[in-house]
Amino acid sequence: TGRREVETFSRGMQQRLALARVLLPDPELLILDEPYTGLDPEG
């Protein structure tokens, strides 16, 4: 779904994409505030 506009994503898909954004610079420390919000069982 990489070429789809984000406004068409579910809340859970947006949450997963936000995690990818956070991981872009390869951080060594991760602080995650409610990362499971909106995720279905698969997510």
All heavy atoms as atom14 arrays in JSON, in Angstrom:
{
  "sequence": "TGRREVETFSRGMQQRLALARVLLPDPELLILDEPYTGLDPEG",
  "atom14_mask": [
    [1, 1, 1, 1, 1, 1, 1, 0, 0, 0, 0, 0, 0, 0],
    [1, 1, 1, 1, 0, 0, 0, 0, 0, 0, 0, 0, 0, 0],
    [1, 1, 1, 1, 1, 1, 1, 1, 1, 1, 1, 0, 0, 0],
    [1, 1, 1, 1, 1, 1, 1, 1, 1, 1, 1, 0, 0, 0],
    [1, 1, 1, 1, 1, 1, 1, 1, 1, 0, 0, 0, 0, 0],
    [1, 1, 1, 1, 1, 1, 1, 0, 0, 0, 0, 0, 0, 0],
    [1, 1, 1, 1, 1, 1, 1, 1, 1, 0, 0, 0, 0, 0],
    [1, 1, 1, 1, 1, 1, 1, 0, 0, 0, 0, 0, 0, 0],
    [1, 1, 1, 1, 1, 1, 1, 1, 1, 1, 1, 0, 0, 0],
    [1, 1, 1, 1, 1, 1, 0, 0, 0, 0, 0, 0, 0, 0],
    [1, 1, 1, 1, 1, 1, 1, 1, 1, 1, 1, 0, 0, 0],
    [1, 1, 1, 1, 0, 0, 0, 0, 0, 0, 0, 0, 0, 0],
    [1, 1, 1, 1, 1, 1, 1, 1, 0, 0, 0, 0, 0, 0],
    [1, 1, 1, 1, 1, 1, 1, 1, 1, 0, 0, 0, 0, 0],
    [1, 1, 1, 1, 1, 1, 1, 1, 1, 0, 0, 0, 0, 0],
    [1, 1, 1, 1, 1, 1, 1, 1, 1, 1, 1, 0, 0, 0],
    [1, 1, 1, 1, 1, 1, 1, 1, 0, 0, 0, 0, 0, 0],
    [1, 1, 1, 1, 1, 0, 0, 0, 0, 0, 0, 0, 0, 0],
    [1, 1, 1, 1, 1, 1, 1, 1, 0, 0, 0, 0, 0, 0],
    [1, 1, 1, 1, 1, 0, 0, 0, 0, 0, 0, 0, 0, 0],
    [1, 1, 1, 1, 1, 1, 1, 1, 1, 1, 1, 0, 0, 0],
    [1, 1, 1, 1, 1, 1, 1, 0, 0, 0, 0, 0, 0, 0],
    [1, 1, 1, 1, 1, 1, 1, 1, 0, 0, 0, 0, 0, 0],
    [1, 1, 1, 1, 1, 1, 1, 1, 0, 0, 0, 0, 0, 0],
    [1, 1, 1, 1, 1, 1, 1, 0, 0, 0, 0, 0, 0, 0],
    [1, 1, 1, 1, 1, 1, 1, 1, 0, 0, 0, 0, 0, 0],
    [1, 1, 1, 1, 1, 1, 1, 0, 0, 0, 0, 0, 0, 0],
    [1, 1, 1, 1, 1, 1, 1, 1, 1, 0, 0, 0, 0, 0],
    [1, 1, 1, 1, 1, 1, 1, 1, 0, 0, 0, 0, 0, 0],
    [1, 1, 1, 1, 1, 1, 1, 1, 0, 0, 0, 0, 0, 0],
    [1, 1, 1, 1, 1, 1, 1, 1, 0, 0, 0, 0, 0, 0],
    [1, 1, 1, 1, 1, 1, 1, 1, 0, 0, 0, 0, 0, 0],
    [1, 1, 1, 1, 1, 1, 1, 1, 0, 0, 0, 0, 0, 0],
    [1, 1, 1, 1, 1, 1, 1, 1, 1, 0, 0, 0, 0, 0],
    [1, 1, 1, 1, 1, 1, 1, 0, 0, 0, 0, 0, 0, 0],
    [1, 1, 1, 1, 1, 1, 1, 1, 1, 1, 1, 1, 0, 0],
    [1, 1, 1, 1, 1, 1, 1, 0, 0, 0, 0, 0, 0, 0],
    [1, 1, 1, 1, 0, 0, 0, 0, 0, 0, 0, 0, 0, 0],
    [1, 1, 1, 1, 1, 1, 1, 1, 0, 0, 0, 0, 0, 0],
    [1, 1, 1, 1, 1, 1, 1, 1, 0, 0, 0, 0, 0, 0],
    [1, 1, 1, 1, 1, 1, 1, 0, 0, 0, 0, 0, 0, 0],
    [1, 1, 1, 1, 1, 1, 1, 1, 1, 0, 0, 0, 0, 0],
    [1, 1, 1, 1, 0, 0, 0, 0, 0, 0, 0, 0, 0, 0]
  ],
  "atom14_positions": [
    [[0.82, -1.22, 0.0], [0.0, 0.0, 0.0], [0.85, 1.26, 0.0], [0.37, 2.35, 0.31], [-0.93, 0.02, 1.23], [-0.14, -0.1, 2.42], [-1.93, -1.12, 1.18], [0.0, 0.0, 0.0], [0.0, 0.0, 0.0], [0.0, 0.0, 0.0], [0.0, 0.0, 0.0], [0.0, 0.0, 0.0], [0.0, 0.0, 0.0], [0.0, 0.0, 0.0]],
    [[2.11, 1.12, -0.38], [3.04, 2.24, -0.31], [2.69, 3.41, -1.19], [3.09, 4.55, -0.9], [0.0, 0.0, 0.0], [0.0, 0.0, 0.0], [0.0, 0.0, 0.0], [0.0, 0.0, 0.0], [0.0, 0.0, 0.0], [0.0, 0.0, 0.0], [0.0, 0.0, 0.0], [0.0, 0.0, 0.0], [0.0, 0.0, 0.0], [0.0, 0.0, 0.0]],
    [[1.94, 3.17, -2.26], [1.61, 4.25, -3.2], [0.22, 4.84, -2.95], [-0.2, 5.76, -3.65], [1.72, 3.74, -4.64], [3.14, 3.28, -4.99], [3.3, 3.02, -6.47], [4.64, 2.53, -6.76], [5.72, 3.3, -6.89], [5.59, 4.61, -6.76], [6.9, 2.78, -7.15], [0.0, 0.0, 0.0], [0.0, 0.0, 0.0], [0.0, 0.0, 0.0]],
    [[-0.49, 4.31, -1.96], [-1.81, 4.85, -1.63], [-1.69, 6.1, -0.78], [-0.77, 6.23, 0.04], [-2.62, 3.8, -0.86], [-3.38, 2.84, -1.74], [-4.11, 1.8, -0.91], [-4.95, 2.39, 0.14], [-5.58, 1.66, 1.04], [-5.48, 0.34, 1.04], [-6.33, 2.26, 1.95], [0.0, 0.0, 0.0], [0.0, 0.0, 0.0], [0.0, 0.0, 0.0]],
    [[-2.63, 7.02, -0.98], [-2.64, 8.22, -0.14], [-3.01, 7.84, 1.29], [-3.9, 7.02, 1.52], [-3.64, 9.24, -0.7], [-3.21, 9.82, -2.04], [-4.18, 10.86, -2.54], [-5.28, 11.01, -1.96], [-3.84, 11.55, -3.52], [0.0, 0.0, 0.0], [0.0, 0.0, 0.0], [0.0, 0.0, 0.0], [0.0, 0.0, 0.0], [0.0, 0.0, 0.0]],
    [[-2.34, 8.46, 2.23], [-2.49, 8.09, 3.64], [-3.89, 8.4, 4.16], [-4.38, 7.73, 5.07], [-1.41, 8.81, 4.49], [-1.69, 8.68, 5.97], [-0.03, 8.23, 4.16], [0.0, 0.0, 0.0], [0.0, 0.0, 0.0], [0.0, 0.0, 0.0], [0.0, 0.0, 0.0], [0.0, 0.0, 0.0], [0.0, 0.0, 0.0], [0.0, 0.0, 0.0]],
    [[-4.56, 9.37, 3.56], [-5.92, 9.69, 4.01], [-6.9, 8.55, 3.76], [-7.98, 8.52, 4.34], [-6.41, 10.97, 3.35], [-6.53, 10.89, 1.84], [-6.81, 12.25, 1.22], [-6.78, 13.25, 1.96], [-7.05, 12.3, -0.01], [0.0, 0.0, 0.0], [0.0, 0.0, 0.0], [0.0, 0.0, 0.0], [0.0, 0.0, 0.0], [0.0, 0.0, 0.0]],
    [[-6.52, 7.58, 2.94], [-7.36, 6.41, 2.7], [-7.04, 5.27, 3.67], [-7.72, 4.24, 3.65], [-7.19, 5.88, 1.27], [-5.88, 5.32, 1.1], [-7.39, 7.0, 0.26], [0.0, 0.0, 0.0], [0.0, 0.0, 0.0], [0.0, 0.0, 0.0], [0.0, 0.0, 0.0], [0.0, 0.0, 0.0], [0.0, 0.0, 0.0], [0.0, 0.0, 0.0]],
    [[-6.02, 5.45, 4.51], [-5.61, 4.41, 5.45], [-6.54, 4.37, 6.66], [-7.06, 5.4, 7.1], [-4.19, 4.67, 5.95], [-3.09, 4.27, 4.99], [-3.36, 4.04, 3.65], [-1.79, 4.16, 5.43], [-2.35, 3.68, 2.76], [-0.76, 3.79, 4.57], [-1.05, 3.55, 3.23], [0.0, 0.0, 0.0], [0.0, 0.0, 0.0], [0.0, 0.0, 0.0]],
    [[-6.69, 3.19, 7.23], [-7.34, 3.06, 8.53], [-6.44, 3.65, 9.61], [-5.24, 3.89, 9.38], [-7.63, 1.6, 8.85], [-6.41, 0.9, 9.06], [0.0, 0.0, 0.0], [0.0, 0.0, 0.0], [0.0, 0.0, 0.0], [0.0, 0.0, 0.0], [0.0, 0.0, 0.0], [0.0, 0.0, 0.0], [0.0, 0.0, 0.0], [0.0, 0.0, 0.0]],
    [[-7.01, 3.85, 10.81], [-6.21, 4.38, 11.91], [-5.04, 3.44, 12.23], [-3.92, 3.88, 12.47], [-7.1, 4.55, 13.15], [-6.34, 4.83, 14.45], [-5.55, 6.12, 14.39], [-4.79, 6.32, 15.62], [-3.88, 7.26, 15.78], [-3.63, 8.12, 14.82], [-3.23, 7.39, 16.92], [0.0, 0.0, 0.0], [0.0, 0.0, 0.0], [0.0, 0.0, 0.0]],
    [[-5.29, 2.15, 12.19], [-4.22, 1.2, 12.48], [-3.1, 1.24, 11.45], [-1.92, 1.15, 11.8], [0.0, 0.0, 0.0], [0.0, 0.0, 0.0], [0.0, 0.0, 0.0], [0.0, 0.0, 0.0], [0.0, 0.0, 0.0], [0.0, 0.0, 0.0], [0.0, 0.0, 0.0], [0.0, 0.0, 0.0], [0.0, 0.0, 0.0], [0.0, 0.0, 0.0]],
    [[-3.46, 1.38, 10.16], [-2.44, 1.49, 9.12], [-1.63, 2.76, 9.28], [-0.4, 2.76, 9.1], [-3.11, 1.44, 7.74], [-3.75, 0.11, 7.4], [-4.76, 0.17, 5.9], [-3.51, 0.42, 4.65], [0.0, 0.0, 0.0], [0.0, 0.0, 0.0], [0.0, 0.0, 0.0], [0.0, 0.0, 0.0], [0.0, 0.0, 0.0], [0.0, 0.0, 0.0]],
    [[-2.29, 3.85, 9.63], [-1.56, 5.1, 9.87], [-0.61, 4.95, 11.05], [0.5, 5.49, 11.03], [-2.55, 6.23, 10.12], [-3.34, 6.64, 8.9], [-4.21, 7.86, 9.12], [-3.95, 8.65, 10.02], [-5.25, 8.02, 8.32], [0.0, 0.0, 0.0], [0.0, 0.0, 0.0], [0.0, 0.0, 0.0], [0.0, 0.0, 0.0], [0.0, 0.0, 0.0]],
    [[-1.02, 4.21, 12.06], [-0.17, 4.0, 13.23], [1.08, 3.21, 12.85], [2.19, 3.52, 13.29], [-0.96, 3.25, 14.31], [-0.27, 3.16, 15.65], [-0.32, 4.47, 16.43], [-0.67, 5.52, 15.9], [0.03, 4.41, 17.69], [0.0, 0.0, 0.0], [0.0, 0.0, 0.0], [0.0, 0.0, 0.0], [0.0, 0.0, 0.0], [0.0, 0.0, 0.0]],
    [[0.91, 2.21, 12.0], [2.07, 1.43, 11.56], [3.01, 2.27, 10.68], [4.23, 2.16, 10.78], [1.6, 0.18, 10.8], [1.1, -0.92, 11.73], [0.86, -2.2, 10.97], [-0.46, -2.22, 10.36], [-0.81, -3.06, 9.38], [0.08, -3.87, 8.85], [-2.04, -3.04, 8.91], [0.0, 0.0, 0.0], [0.0, 0.0, 0.0], [0.0, 0.0, 0.0]],
    [[2.42, 3.13, 9.84], [3.26, 4.0, 9.02], [3.99, 5.02, 9.89], [5.15, 5.36, 9.62], [2.4, 4.72, 7.98], [3.14, 5.64, 7.01], [4.2, 4.88, 6.23], [2.17, 6.33, 6.07], [0.0, 0.0, 0.0], [0.0, 0.0, 0.0], [0.0, 0.0, 0.0], [0.0, 0.0, 0.0], [0.0, 0.0, 0.0], [0.0, 0.0, 0.0]],
    [[3.33, 5.49, 10.94], [4.0, 6.41, 11.86], [5.2, 5.74, 12.53], [6.23, 6.38, 12.76], [3.01, 6.91, 12.91], [0.0, 0.0, 0.0], [0.0, 0.0, 0.0], [0.0, 0.0, 0.0], [0.0, 0.0, 0.0], [0.0, 0.0, 0.0], [0.0, 0.0, 0.0], [0.0, 0.0, 0.0], [0.0, 0.0, 0.0], [0.0, 0.0, 0.0]],
    [[5.08, 4.45, 12.85], [6.22, 3.73, 13.41], [7.36, 3.66, 12.4], [8.53, 3.85, 12.76], [5.79, 2.33, 13.83], [6.91, 1.44, 14.38], [7.53, 2.05, 15.65], [6.4, 0.04, 14.68], [0.0, 0.0, 0.0], [0.0, 0.0, 0.0], [0.0, 0.0, 0.0], [0.0, 0.0, 0.0], [0.0, 0.0, 0.0], [0.0, 0.0, 0.0]],
    [[7.03, 3.41, 11.14], [8.07, 3.39, 10.1], [8.75, 4.75, 10.02], [9.98, 4.84, 9.86], [7.45, 3.02, 8.75], [0.0, 0.0, 0.0], [0.0, 0.0, 0.0], [0.0, 0.0, 0.0], [0.0, 0.0, 0.0], [0.0, 0.0, 0.0], [0.0, 0.0, 0.0], [0.0, 0.0, 0.0], [0.0, 0.0, 0.0], [0.0, 0.0, 0.0]],
    [[7.98, 5.83, 10.13], [8.55, 7.18, 10.13], [9.54, 7.35, 11.27], [10.63, 7.9, 11.11], [7.43, 8.22, 10.25], [7.93, 9.65, 10.43], [6.8, 10.63, 10.68], [6.05, 10.33, 11.88], [6.48, 10.62, 13.12], [7.68, 11.17, 13.3], [5.74, 10.34, 14.16], [0.0, 0.0, 0.0], [0.0, 0.0, 0.0], [0.0, 0.0, 0.0]],
    [[9.15, 6.87, 12.47], [10.02, 6.99, 13.64], [11.31, 6.2, 13.45], [12.38, 6.62, 13.92], [9.26, 6.51, 14.9], [10.19, 6.32, 16.08], [8.15, 7.49, 15.26], [0.0, 0.0, 0.0], [0.0, 0.0, 0.0], [0.0, 0.0, 0.0], [0.0, 0.0, 0.0], [0.0, 0.0, 0.0], [0.0, 0.0, 0.0], [0.0, 0.0, 0.0]],
    [[11.23, 5.08, 12.75], [12.4, 4.21, 12.59], [13.33, 4.65, 11.46], [14.45, 4.13, 11.35], [11.95, 2.77, 12.33], [11.21, 2.08, 13.49], [10.72, 0.7, 13.05], [12.11, 1.96, 14.7], [0.0, 0.0, 0.0], [0.0, 0.0, 0.0], [0.0, 0.0, 0.0], [0.0, 0.0, 0.0], [0.0, 0.0, 0.0], [0.0, 0.0, 0.0]],
    [[12.91, 5.62, 10.65], [13.71, 6.05, 9.5], [15.16, 6.38, 9.86], [16.08, 5.9, 9.18], [13.05, 7.26, 8.84], [12.13, 7.02, 7.66], [11.46, 8.31, 7.24], [12.88, 6.41, 6.48], [0.0, 0.0, 0.0], [0.0, 0.0, 0.0], [0.0, 0.0, 0.0], [0.0, 0.0, 0.0], [0.0, 0.0, 0.0], [0.0, 0.0, 0.0]],
    [[15.41, 7.21, 10.9], [16.8, 7.57, 11.19], [17.55, 6.54, 12.02], [18.65, 6.82, 12.5], [16.66, 8.89, 11.97], [15.34, 8.78, 12.63], [14.45, 7.99, 11.7], [0.0, 0.0, 0.0], [0.0, 0.0, 0.0], [0.0, 0.0, 0.0], [0.0, 0.0, 0.0], [0.0, 0.0, 0.0], [0.0, 0.0, 0.0], [0.0, 0.0, 0.0]],
    [[16.97, 5.34, 12.19], [17.63, 4.24, 12.9], [17.99, 4.62, 14.34], [19.14, 4.52, 14.76], [18.9, 3.82, 12.15], [19.34, 2.41, 12.5], [18.49, 1.62, 12.97], [20.53, 2.11, 12.32], [0.0, 0.0, 0.0], [0.0, 0.0, 0.0], [0.0, 0.0, 0.0], [0.0, 0.0, 0.0], [0.0, 0.0, 0.0], [0.0, 0.0, 0.0]],
    [[17.01, 5.04, 15.14], [17.3, 5.47, 16.53], [17.7, 4.31, 17.41], [17.26, 3.17, 17.22], [15.96, 6.07, 16.98], [14.94, 5.31, 16.2], [15.56, 5.07, 14.85], [0.0, 0.0, 0.0], [0.0, 0.0, 0.0], [0.0, 0.0, 0.0], [0.0, 0.0, 0.0], [0.0, 0.0, 0.0], [0.0, 0.0, 0.0], [0.0, 0.0, 0.0]],
    [[18.54, 4.59, 18.4], [18.94, 3.53, 19.34], [18.05, 3.49, 20.58], [18.11, 2.55, 21.36], [20.39, 3.72, 19.76], [20.72, 5.03, 20.44], [22.21, 5.16, 20.7], [22.72, 4.48, 21.62], [22.87, 5.94, 19.98], [0.0, 0.0, 0.0], [0.0, 0.0, 0.0], [0.0, 0.0, 0.0], [0.0, 0.0, 0.0], [0.0, 0.0, 0.0]],
    [[17.23, 4.52, 20.76], [16.31, 4.6, 21.88], [14.92, 4.89, 21.33], [14.74, 5.81, 20.53], [16.75, 5.71, 22.84], [15.86, 6.04, 24.04], [15.77, 4.85, 24.99], [16.41, 7.25, 24.78], [0.0, 0.0, 0.0], [0.0, 0.0, 0.0], [0.0, 0.0, 0.0], [0.0, 0.0, 0.0], [0.0, 0.0, 0.0], [0.0, 0.0, 0.0]],
    [[13.93, 4.11, 21.75], [12.56, 4.28, 21.27], [11.63, 4.52, 22.44], [11.62, 3.74, 23.41], [12.1, 3.04, 20.51], [12.7, 2.84, 19.12], [12.4, 1.44, 18.62], [12.19, 3.88, 18.15], [0.0, 0.0, 0.0], [0.0, 0.0, 0.0], [0.0, 0.0, 0.0], [0.0, 0.0, 0.0], [0.0, 0.0, 0.0], [0.0, 0.0, 0.0]],
    [[10.87, 5.6, 22.36], [9.85, 5.92, 23.35], [8.51, 5.91, 22.62], [8.26, 6.75, 21.76], [10.09, 7.3, 24.0], [11.52, 7.42, 24.55], [9.06, 7.56, 25.09], [11.83, 6.49, 25.69], [0.0, 0.0, 0.0], [0.0, 0.0, 0.0], [0.0, 0.0, 0.0], [0.0, 0.0, 0.0], [0.0, 0.0, 0.0], [0.0, 0.0, 0.0]],
    [[7.67, 4.95, 22.96], [6.43, 4.73, 22.23], [5.24, 4.94, 23.16], [5.1, 4.23, 24.16], [6.4, 3.31, 21.66], [7.64, 2.88, 20.87], [7.52, 1.42, 20.43], [7.86, 3.77, 19.65], [0.0, 0.0, 0.0], [0.0, 0.0, 0.0], [0.0, 0.0, 0.0], [0.0, 0.0, 0.0], [0.0, 0.0, 0.0], [0.0, 0.0, 0.0]],
    [[4.41, 5.9, 22.81], [3.25, 6.26, 23.65], [1.98, 5.7, 22.99], [1.53, 6.22, 21.98], [3.16, 7.78, 23.8], [2.2, 8.22, 24.89], [1.58, 7.34, 25.54], [2.07, 9.43, 25.11], [0.0, 0.0, 0.0], [0.0, 0.0, 0.0], [0.0, 0.0, 0.0], [0.0, 0.0, 0.0], [0.0, 0.0, 0.0], [0.0, 0.0, 0.0]],
    [[1.44, 4.63, 23.56], [0.23, 3.96, 23.07], [0.35, 3.53, 21.61], [-0.5, 3.87, 20.77], [-1.0, 4.87, 23.25], [-1.29, 5.24, 24.68], [-1.77, 4.05, 25.51], [-2.03, 2.96, 24.95], [-1.88, 4.21, 26.74], [0.0, 0.0, 0.0], [0.0, 0.0, 0.0], [0.0, 0.0, 0.0], [0.0, 0.0, 0.0], [0.0, 0.0, 0.0]],
    [[1.38, 2.76, 21.26], [1.56, 2.38, 19.85], [0.51, 1.4, 19.34], [0.34, 1.25, 18.13], [2.95, 1.75, 19.83], [3.13, 1.2, 21.21], [2.44, 2.2, 22.11], [0.0, 0.0, 0.0], [0.0, 0.0, 0.0], [0.0, 0.0, 0.0], [0.0, 0.0, 0.0], [0.0, 0.0, 0.0], [0.0, 0.0, 0.0], [0.0, 0.0, 0.0]],
    [[-0.19, 0.7, 20.24], [-1.18, -0.3, 19.81], [-2.56, 0.31, 19.55], [-3.47, -0.4, 19.14], [-1.3, -1.4, 20.86], [-0.12, -2.35, 20.87], [0.99, -2.1, 21.68], [-0.09, -3.48, 20.06], [2.07, -2.95, 21.68], [0.99, -4.34, 20.05], [2.08, -4.07, 20.86], [3.15, -4.92, 20.85], [0.0, 0.0, 0.0], [0.0, 0.0, 0.0]],
    [[-2.7, 1.62, 19.76], [-3.99, 2.27, 19.55], [-4.46, 2.1, 18.11], [-3.74, 2.41, 17.17], [-3.88, 3.77, 19.87], [-3.53, 3.94, 21.23], [-5.21, 4.48, 19.62], [0.0, 0.0, 0.0], [0.0, 0.0, 0.0], [0.0, 0.0, 0.0], [0.0, 0.0, 0.0], [0.0, 0.0, 0.0], [0.0, 0.0, 0.0], [0.0, 0.0, 0.0]],
    [[-5.67, 1.61, 17.95], [-6.27, 1.49, 16.63], [-5.85, 0.28, 15.83], [-6.31, 0.1, 14.7], [0.0, 0.0, 0.0], [0.0, 0.0, 0.0], [0.0, 0.0, 0.0], [0.0, 0.0, 0.0], [0.0, 0.0, 0.0], [0.0, 0.0, 0.0], [0.0, 0.0, 0.0], [0.0, 0.0, 0.0], [0.0, 0.0, 0.0], [0.0, 0.0, 0.0]],
    [[-4.97, -0.56, 16.38], [-4.5, -1.72, 15.63], [-5.46, -2.89, 15.77], [-5.94, -3.19, 16.86], [-3.11, -2.14, 16.11], [-1.96, -1.15, 15.92], [-0.66, -1.76, 16.39], [-1.85, -0.7, 14.46], [0.0, 0.0, 0.0], [0.0, 0.0, 0.0], [0.0, 0.0, 0.0], [0.0, 0.0, 0.0], [0.0, 0.0, 0.0], [0.0, 0.0, 0.0]],
    [[-5.71, -3.58, 14.65], [-6.48, -4.82, 14.71], [-5.53, -5.95, 15.14], [-4.31, -5.72, 15.3], [-7.14, -5.11, 13.36], [-6.14, -5.23, 12.21], [-4.94, -5.43, 12.47], [-6.57, -5.12, 11.05], [0.0, 0.0, 0.0], [0.0, 0.0, 0.0], [0.0, 0.0, 0.0], [0.0, 0.0, 0.0], [0.0, 0.0, 0.0], [0.0, 0.0, 0.0]],
    [[-6.03, -7.17, 15.36], [-5.15, -8.26, 15.82], [-3.94, -8.49, 14.92], [-2.83, -8.74, 15.41], [-6.09, -9.48, 15.84], [-7.43, -8.9, 16.14], [-7.46, -7.58, 15.4], [0.0, 0.0, 0.0], [0.0, 0.0, 0.0], [0.0, 0.0, 0.0], [0.0, 0.0, 0.0], [0.0, 0.0, 0.0], [0.0, 0.0, 0.0], [0.0, 0.0, 0.0]],
    [[-4.14, -8.4, 13.6], [-3.02, -8.58, 12.68], [-1.99, -7.47, 12.86], [-0.78, -7.71, 12.89], [-3.51, -8.62, 11.24], [-2.4, -8.82, 10.22], [-2.89, -8.77, 8.78], [-4.12, -8.64, 8.59], [-2.05, -8.85, 7.86], [0.0, 0.0, 0.0], [0.0, 0.0, 0.0], [0.0, 0.0, 0.0], [0.0, 0.0, 0.0], [0.0, 0.0, 0.0]],
    [[-2.48, -6.23, 12.98], [-1.57, -5.11, 13.18], [-0.84, -5.2, 14.5], [0.36, -4.88, 14.58], [0.0, 0.0, 0.0], [0.0, 0.0, 0.0], [0.0, 0.0, 0.0], [0.0, 0.0, 0.0], [0.0, 0.0, 0.0], [0.0, 0.0, 0.0], [0.0, 0.0, 0.0], [0.0, 0.0, 0.0], [0.0, 0.0, 0.0], [0.0, 0.0, 0.0]]
  ]
}
